[in-house]
Amino acid sequence: MSAGRVPGHGLERGRRVEIVIDGRPAEAYEGESVAAAVMADRGLGLRRTENKDARGYYCGMGVCFDCVMVVDGVPQTRTCVTFVREGMTVAHQEGAEPTAASDPARGH
């Protein structure tokens, strides 16, 4: 289910940009969070836990980490506080993927 975007809301959108979500092109707007763009285009689920439980937008301020996705190849990116830009790639995340700071093989 896609939440979509509300037409006629009286707000001005930023410039239209194209991002790639799970390998498919998607419409987004400058000034829009990655979470908002994904929910408008693909539905409310942003990631799944190791137990396959769906997670989505919750706190909206980067505290809860329920909105993490892989953005431009970086796992654990908090999409509620990351803004879209032209050509960005976004992928749904399954489980807790390692980050460079927590995985010795990736740099620490």
Foldseek 3Di string as FASTA:
>chain_A
DAPADDPPPPDDFADWAWEAEARHIFIDTFPQFQQNRCRNTPNFFQEAALVRHTFGDDPLPPDPLSNWWQKQNFGSDRRSPHTDDHHIYTYYYYHHDDGLVGDVVNPD
